[in-house]
Amino acid sequence: MESVEDPNFGFMAPAKAPGVPEGIMSPRDTWADKDAYDKKARELVDLFVENFTAYRADATEGVKRVADRIGAR
């Protein structure tokens, strides 16, 4: 199955799904205002990074590395 990397969080997501219109598989493509989407996505990344600080001490090194990569995007 073809997949694409989410540019904000770095996870892999399917590019296509049976019975799902292609234009809906990319959240950014569903927004008329791409700049507004980008701004909101950045806000969500920032909220994730801020929230993760409360759990960082208990996280594994692997989870910390992923969180650091998300924060560096």
N, C-alpha and C. Protein backbone atom coordinates (compact mmCIF):
# COMPACT_ATOMS: atom_id res chain seq x y z
N MET A 1 0.84 -1.18 0.00
CA MET A 1 0.00 0.00 0.00
C MET A 1 0.89 1.25 0.00
N GLU A 2 0.58 2.16 -0.84
CA GLU A 2 1.34 3.41 -0.93
C GLU A 2 1.03 4.29 0.29
N SER A 3 2.08 4.87 0.85
CA SER A 3 1.87 5.76 2.00
C SER A 3 2.72 7.01 1.83
N VAL A 4 2.35 8.03 2.58
CA VAL A 4 3.06 9.31 2.56
C VAL A 4 3.35 9.73 3.99
N GLU A 5 4.43 10.47 4.16
CA GLU A 5 4.80 10.94 5.49
C GLU A 5 4.09 12.25 5.80
N ASP A 6 3.46 12.30 6.96
CA ASP A 6 2.85 13.55 7.40
C ASP A 6 3.97 14.56 7.67
N PRO A 7 3.93 15.73 7.03
CA PRO A 7 5.03 16.68 7.17
C PRO A 7 5.12 17.34 8.55
N ASN A 8 4.07 17.24 9.33
CA ASN A 8 4.07 17.88 10.65
C ASN A 8 4.47 16.94 11.77
N PHE A 9 3.95 15.71 11.75
CA PHE A 9 4.22 14.77 12.82
C PHE A 9 5.14 13.63 12.42
N GLY A 10 5.32 13.43 11.13
CA GLY A 10 6.27 12.43 10.67
C GLY A 10 5.74 11.01 10.58
N PHE A 11 4.48 10.78 10.94
CA PHE A 11 3.96 9.42 10.82
C PHE A 11 3.61 9.12 9.37
N MET A 12 3.57 7.85 9.03
CA MET A 12 3.21 7.43 7.69
C MET A 12 1.70 7.20 7.64
N ALA A 13 1.06 7.69 6.58
CA ALA A 13 -0.37 7.55 6.40
C ALA A 13 -0.66 7.00 5.01
N PRO A 14 -1.72 6.24 4.86
CA PRO A 14 -2.04 5.71 3.54
C PRO A 14 -2.32 6.84 2.56
N ALA A 15 -1.84 6.69 1.33
CA ALA A 15 -2.10 7.67 0.29
C ALA A 15 -3.44 7.42 -0.38
N LYS A 16 -3.90 6.18 -0.35
CA LYS A 16 -5.17 5.80 -0.97
C LYS A 16 -5.85 4.76 -0.09
N ALA A 17 -7.17 4.75 -0.19
CA ALA A 17 -7.95 3.73 0.52
C ALA A 17 -9.15 3.38 -0.35
N PRO A 18 -9.47 2.11 -0.43
CA PRO A 18 -10.62 1.71 -1.25
C PRO A 18 -11.90 2.43 -0.83
N GLY A 19 -12.60 2.99 -1.79
CA GLY A 19 -13.86 3.66 -1.53
C GLY A 19 -13.76 5.06 -0.98
N VAL A 20 -12.54 5.56 -0.79
CA VAL A 20 -12.35 6.92 -0.25
C VAL A 20 -11.85 7.81 -1.38
N PRO A 21 -12.52 8.93 -1.62
CA PRO A 21 -12.06 9.83 -2.68
C PRO A 21 -10.62 10.28 -2.42
N GLU A 22 -9.81 10.32 -3.48
CA GLU A 22 -8.39 10.66 -3.32
C GLU A 22 -8.17 12.01 -2.64
N GLY A 23 -8.98 12.98 -2.95
CA GLY A 23 -8.78 14.32 -2.40
C GLY A 23 -8.96 14.43 -0.91
N ILE A 24 -9.52 13.41 -0.29
CA ILE A 24 -9.77 13.48 1.15
C ILE A 24 -8.66 12.82 1.98
N MET A 25 -7.78 12.11 1.34
CA MET A 25 -6.73 11.39 2.06
C MET A 25 -5.64 12.33 2.60
N SER A 26 -5.52 13.49 2.02
CA SER A 26 -4.56 14.48 2.50
C SER A 26 -5.34 15.59 3.20
N PRO A 27 -5.25 15.67 4.52
CA PRO A 27 -6.02 16.69 5.24
C PRO A 27 -5.80 18.11 4.69
N ARG A 28 -4.58 18.43 4.33
CA ARG A 28 -4.29 19.78 3.82
C ARG A 28 -5.08 20.07 2.55
N ASP A 29 -5.26 19.04 1.72
CA ASP A 29 -5.98 19.23 0.47
C ASP A 29 -7.47 19.48 0.68
N THR A 30 -7.99 19.19 1.87
CA THR A 30 -9.41 19.43 2.13
C THR A 30 -9.68 20.86 2.56
N TRP A 31 -8.64 21.63 2.83
CA TRP A 31 -8.81 23.02 3.24
C TRP A 31 -8.71 23.93 2.03
N ALA A 32 -9.63 24.86 1.89
CA ALA A 32 -9.57 25.84 0.80
C ALA A 32 -8.39 26.78 1.01
N ASP A 33 -8.12 27.13 2.26
CA ASP A 33 -7.04 28.06 2.59
C ASP A 33 -5.85 27.26 3.13
N LYS A 34 -4.90 26.96 2.26
CA LYS A 34 -3.74 26.13 2.63
C LYS A 34 -2.89 26.81 3.71
N ASP A 35 -2.78 28.13 3.66
CA ASP A 35 -2.00 28.83 4.69
C ASP A 35 -2.65 28.68 6.06
N ALA A 36 -3.98 28.72 6.11
CA ALA A 36 -4.68 28.53 7.38
C ALA A 36 -4.46 27.11 7.90
N TYR A 37 -4.46 26.13 7.00
CA TYR A 37 -4.18 24.75 7.42
C TYR A 37 -2.78 24.66 8.00
N ASP A 38 -1.81 25.22 7.29
CA ASP A 38 -0.42 25.16 7.76
C ASP A 38 -0.27 25.81 9.13
N LYS A 39 -0.95 26.92 9.33
CA LYS A 39 -0.88 27.62 10.62
C LYS A 39 -1.49 26.74 11.73
N LYS A 40 -2.64 26.16 11.46
CA LYS A 40 -3.30 25.32 12.46
C LYS A 40 -2.47 24.06 12.74
N ALA A 41 -1.89 23.47 11.71
CA ALA A 41 -1.05 22.28 11.90
C ALA A 41 0.15 22.63 12.79
N ARG A 42 0.75 23.79 12.56
CA ARG A 42 1.89 24.21 13.38
C ARG A 42 1.46 24.41 14.83
N GLU A 43 0.27 24.96 15.03
CA GLU A 43 -0.26 25.13 16.38
C GLU A 43 -0.42 23.77 17.07
N LEU A 44 -0.91 22.78 16.34
CA LEU A 44 -1.07 21.44 16.92
C LEU A 44 0.28 20.82 17.27
N VAL A 45 1.26 21.01 16.43
CA VAL A 45 2.61 20.51 16.73
C VAL A 45 3.13 21.19 18.00
N ASP A 46 2.97 22.49 18.07
CA ASP A 46 3.44 23.22 19.26
C ASP A 46 2.72 22.75 20.52
N LEU A 47 1.41 22.49 20.42
CA LEU A 47 0.67 21.97 21.59
C LEU A 47 1.18 20.59 21.99
N PHE A 48 1.47 19.74 21.00
CA PHE A 48 2.01 18.42 21.31
C PHE A 48 3.33 18.55 22.06
N VAL A 49 4.23 19.39 21.55
CA VAL A 49 5.54 19.55 22.16
C VAL A 49 5.39 20.08 23.59
N GLU A 50 4.53 21.06 23.76
CA GLU A 50 4.31 21.63 25.11
C GLU A 50 3.73 20.58 26.05
N ASN A 51 2.74 19.83 25.59
CA ASN A 51 2.10 18.81 26.42
C ASN A 51 3.06 17.68 26.77
N PHE A 52 3.94 17.34 25.84
CA PHE A 52 4.84 16.22 26.06
C PHE A 52 5.80 16.48 27.22
N THR A 53 6.09 17.72 27.52
CA THR A 53 7.02 18.01 28.61
C THR A 53 6.55 17.39 29.92
N ALA A 54 5.25 17.26 30.10
CA ALA A 54 4.72 16.67 31.34
C ALA A 54 5.00 15.17 31.43
N TYR A 55 5.28 14.53 30.31
CA TYR A 55 5.47 13.07 30.27
C TYR A 55 6.89 12.67 29.91
N ARG A 56 7.72 13.63 29.56
CA ARG A 56 9.05 13.34 29.07
C ARG A 56 9.88 12.49 30.03
N ALA A 57 9.83 12.79 31.30
CA ALA A 57 10.66 12.07 32.28
C ALA A 57 10.35 10.58 32.31
N ASP A 58 9.11 10.20 32.02
CA ASP A 58 8.71 8.80 32.06
C ASP A 58 8.76 8.10 30.70
N ALA A 59 9.08 8.84 29.67
CA ALA A 59 9.08 8.28 28.31
C ALA A 59 10.36 7.50 28.04
N THR A 60 10.26 6.53 27.14
CA THR A 60 11.45 5.79 26.72
C THR A 60 12.31 6.68 25.83
N GLU A 61 13.55 6.29 25.64
CA GLU A 61 14.45 7.08 24.79
C GLU A 61 13.92 7.16 23.36
N GLY A 62 13.33 6.07 22.88
CA GLY A 62 12.77 6.07 21.53
C GLY A 62 11.65 7.07 21.37
N VAL A 63 10.76 7.13 22.35
CA VAL A 63 9.66 8.10 22.31
C VAL A 63 10.21 9.51 22.39
N LYS A 64 11.21 9.73 23.23
CA LYS A 64 11.83 11.06 23.33
C LYS A 64 12.43 11.49 22.00
N ARG A 65 13.09 10.55 21.30
CA ARG A 65 13.69 10.89 20.00
C ARG A 65 12.61 11.31 19.00
N VAL A 66 11.51 10.57 18.97
CA VAL A 66 10.42 10.92 18.06
C VAL A 66 9.84 12.29 18.42
N ALA A 67 9.61 12.53 19.69
CA ALA A 67 9.07 13.83 20.13
C ALA A 67 10.02 14.96 19.76
N ASP A 68 11.31 14.73 19.91
CA ASP A 68 12.29 15.75 19.53
C ASP A 68 12.25 16.04 18.03
N ARG A 69 12.08 15.00 17.23
CA ARG A 69 11.97 15.21 15.77
C ARG A 69 10.72 16.00 15.42
N ILE A 70 9.63 15.71 16.10
CA ILE A 70 8.40 16.45 15.86
C ILE A 70 8.60 17.92 16.21
N GLY A 71 9.22 18.17 17.34
CA GLY A 71 9.46 19.55 17.78
C GLY A 71 10.40 20.31 16.87
N ALA A 72 11.27 19.59 16.17
CA ALA A 72 12.24 20.25 15.29
C ALA A 72 11.68 20.54 13.90
N ARG A 73 10.49 20.06 13.62
CA ARG A 73 9.90 20.27 12.28
C ARG A 73 9.52 21.70 12.06
